Amino acid sequence: MLWPVVPAAPAVTLTGTRKQFKGSLYIAFTNNPGAPFTVVAASNQPLALAAWNPLSGVAENSPCQFQFTDSQATNGPVRFYCVRSS
């Protein structure tokens, strides 16, 4: 039996990050139009990725252009982020 070949999803391309007013963090990236994404965060990078906290708010502003703002970025001294396909 032959299994269908499923192409791998393209890598997320980070297009920008910046600290915003009152310390929130803005992340912008590109990928396929309509692709679902989740941003996860942790204060301890070696923590298993499955244990990172999912954050809400990833938006596709125009085809292939995604953005996320973490208004809770100021709640600790260090925060690590990962964008993953949902």
C-alpha atoms as a PDB file:
ATOM      1  CA  MET A   1       0.000   0.000   0.000  1.00  0.00           C
ATOM      2  CA  LEU A   2       1.303   3.450  -0.879  1.00  0.00           C
ATOM      3  CA  TRP A   3       0.812   6.285   1.561  1.00  0.00           C
ATOM      4  CA  PRO A   4       0.142   9.761   0.210  1.00  0.00           C
ATOM      5  CA  VAL A   5       3.043  12.157   0.470  1.00  0.00           C
ATOM      6  CA  VAL A   6       2.149  15.135   2.632  1.00  0.00           C
ATOM      7  CA  PRO A   7       4.464  18.099   2.154  1.00  0.00           C
ATOM      8  CA  ALA A   8       5.981  19.506   5.314  1.00  0.00           C
ATOM      9  CA  ALA A   9       4.614  22.824   6.450  1.00  0.00           C
ATOM     10  CA  PRO A  10       6.991  25.671   5.646  1.00  0.00           C
ATOM     11  CA  ALA A  11       8.964  27.134   8.498  1.00  0.00           C
ATOM     12  CA  VAL A  12       7.620  30.231  10.167  1.00  0.00           C
ATOM     13  CA  THR A  13       9.582  33.274   9.001  1.00  0.00           C
ATOM     14  CA  LEU A  14      10.004  35.826  11.762  1.00  0.00           C
ATOM     15  CA  THR A  15       9.615  39.314  10.300  1.00  0.00           C
ATOM     16  CA  GLY A  16       9.754  41.434  13.425  1.00  0.00           C
ATOM     17  CA  THR A  17       9.696  41.729  17.193  1.00  0.00           C
ATOM     18  CA  ARG A  18       9.541  44.784  19.361  1.00  0.00           C
ATOM     19  CA  LYS A  19       8.832  45.833  22.898  1.00  0.00           C
ATOM     20  CA  GLN A  20       5.790  48.075  22.926  1.00  0.00           C
ATOM     21  CA  PHE A  21       4.253  50.641  25.219  1.00  0.00           C
ATOM     22  CA  LYS A  22       4.040  49.427  28.839  1.00  0.00           C
ATOM     23  CA  GLY A  23       6.289  46.434  28.089  1.00  0.00           C
ATOM     24  CA  SER A  24       4.091  44.256  25.903  1.00  0.00           C
ATOM     25  CA  LEU A  25       5.899  42.201  23.238  1.00  0.00           C
ATOM     26  CA  TYR A  26       4.921  42.236  19.545  1.00  0.00           C
ATOM     27  CA  ILE A  27       5.861  39.329  17.242  1.00  0.00           C
ATOM     28  CA  ALA A  28       5.260  39.300  13.463  1.00  0.00           C
ATOM     29  CA  PHE A  29       5.812  36.324  11.138  1.00  0.00           C
ATOM     30  CA  THR A  30       4.809  34.909   7.762  1.00  0.00           C
ATOM     31  CA  ASN A  31       3.570  31.525   6.557  1.00  0.00           C
ATOM     32  CA  ASN A  32       0.871  29.994   4.369  1.00  0.00           C
ATOM     33  CA  PRO A  33      -2.405  31.942   4.200  1.00  0.00           C
ATOM     34  CA  GLY A  34      -5.019  30.684   6.639  1.00  0.00           C
ATOM     35  CA  ALA A  35      -2.588  28.444   8.531  1.00  0.00           C
ATOM     36  CA  PRO A  36      -3.493  28.005  12.217  1.00  0.00           C
ATOM     37  CA  PHE A  37      -0.854  28.983  14.793  1.00  0.00           C
ATOM     38  CA  THR A  38      -0.484  29.116  18.556  1.00  0.00           C
ATOM     39  CA  VAL A  39       2.163  31.013  20.500  1.00  0.00           C
ATOM     40  CA  VAL A  40       3.392  29.260  23.633  1.00  0.00           C
ATOM     41  CA  ALA A  41       5.510  30.814  26.384  1.00  0.00           C
ATOM     42  CA  ALA A  42       7.537  29.726  29.385  1.00  0.00           C
ATOM     43  CA  SER A  43       9.789  31.370  31.952  1.00  0.00           C
ATOM     44  CA  ASN A  44      12.049  28.291  31.971  1.00  0.00           C
ATOM     45  CA  GLN A  45      13.422  27.405  28.518  1.00  0.00           C
ATOM     46  CA  PRO A  46      14.572  23.824  29.358  1.00  0.00           C
ATOM     47  CA  LEU A  47      10.977  22.962  30.322  1.00  0.00           C
ATOM     48  CA  ALA A  48       9.451  20.419  27.911  1.00  0.00           C
ATOM     49  CA  LEU A  49       7.648  22.257  25.091  1.00  0.00           C
ATOM     50  CA  ALA A  50       4.423  20.382  25.946  1.00  0.00           C
ATOM     51  CA  ALA A  51       4.482  22.128  29.341  1.00  0.00           C
ATOM     52  CA  TRP A  52       4.737  25.669  27.925  1.00  0.00           C
ATOM     53  CA  ASN A  53       1.634  27.855  28.325  1.00  0.00           C
ATOM     54  CA  PRO A  54      -0.463  28.456  25.211  1.00  0.00           C
ATOM     55  CA  LEU A  55      -1.295  32.126  24.643  1.00  0.00           C
ATOM     56  CA  SER A  56      -4.187  33.453  22.595  1.00  0.00           C
ATOM     57  CA  GLY A  57      -4.295  36.227  20.063  1.00  0.00           C
ATOM     58  CA  VAL A  58      -2.444  35.163  16.899  1.00  0.00           C
ATOM     59  CA  ALA A  59      -4.061  37.108  14.055  1.00  0.00           C
ATOM     60  CA  GLU A  60      -3.614  36.998  10.286  1.00  0.00           C
ATOM     61  CA  ASN A  61      -3.803  40.649   9.244  1.00  0.00           C
ATOM     62  CA  SER A  62      -3.419  39.986   5.534  1.00  0.00           C
ATOM     63  CA  PRO A  63      -2.725  36.786   3.591  1.00  0.00           C
ATOM     64  CA  CYS A  64       0.466  35.162   4.939  1.00  0.00           C
ATOM     65  CA  GLN A  65       1.087  37.988   7.485  1.00  0.00           C
ATOM     66  CA  PHE A  66       0.566  36.997  11.130  1.00  0.00           C
ATOM     67  CA  GLN A  67       1.029  38.934  14.352  1.00  0.00           C
ATOM     68  CA  PHE A  68       0.833  38.357  18.080  1.00  0.00           C
ATOM     69  CA  THR A  69       1.063  40.712  21.066  1.00  0.00           C
ATOM     70  CA  ASP A  70       1.771  39.500  24.596  1.00  0.00           C
ATOM     71  CA  SER A  71       0.489  42.096  27.040  1.00  0.00           C
ATOM     72  CA  GLN A  72       1.594  39.856  29.947  1.00  0.00           C
ATOM     73  CA  ALA A  73       5.285  39.968  28.934  1.00  0.00           C
ATOM     74  CA  THR A  74       6.072  42.187  31.920  1.00  0.00           C
ATOM     75  CA  ASN A  75       4.855  39.638  34.505  1.00  0.00           C
ATOM     76  CA  GLY A  76       8.281  38.055  35.005  1.00  0.00           C
ATOM     77  CA  PRO A  77      11.984  38.734  34.516  1.00  0.00           C
ATOM     78  CA  VAL A  78      12.367  36.358  31.516  1.00  0.00           C
ATOM     79  CA  ARG A  79       9.929  34.834  29.036  1.00  0.00           C
ATOM     80  CA  PHE A  80      10.642  32.503  26.098  1.00  0.00           C
ATOM     81  CA  TYR A  81       8.329  32.107  23.096  1.00  0.00           C
ATOM     82  CA  CYS A  82       7.654  29.517  20.417  1.00  0.00           C
ATOM     83  CA  VAL A  83       5.255  29.728  17.465  1.00  0.00           C
ATOM     84  CA  ARG A  84       3.768  26.354  16.572  1.00  0.00           C
ATOM     85  CA  SER A  85       1.265  25.124  14.061  1.00  0.00           C
ATOM     86  CA  SER A  86      -2.070  24.398  15.750  1.00  0.00           C
END
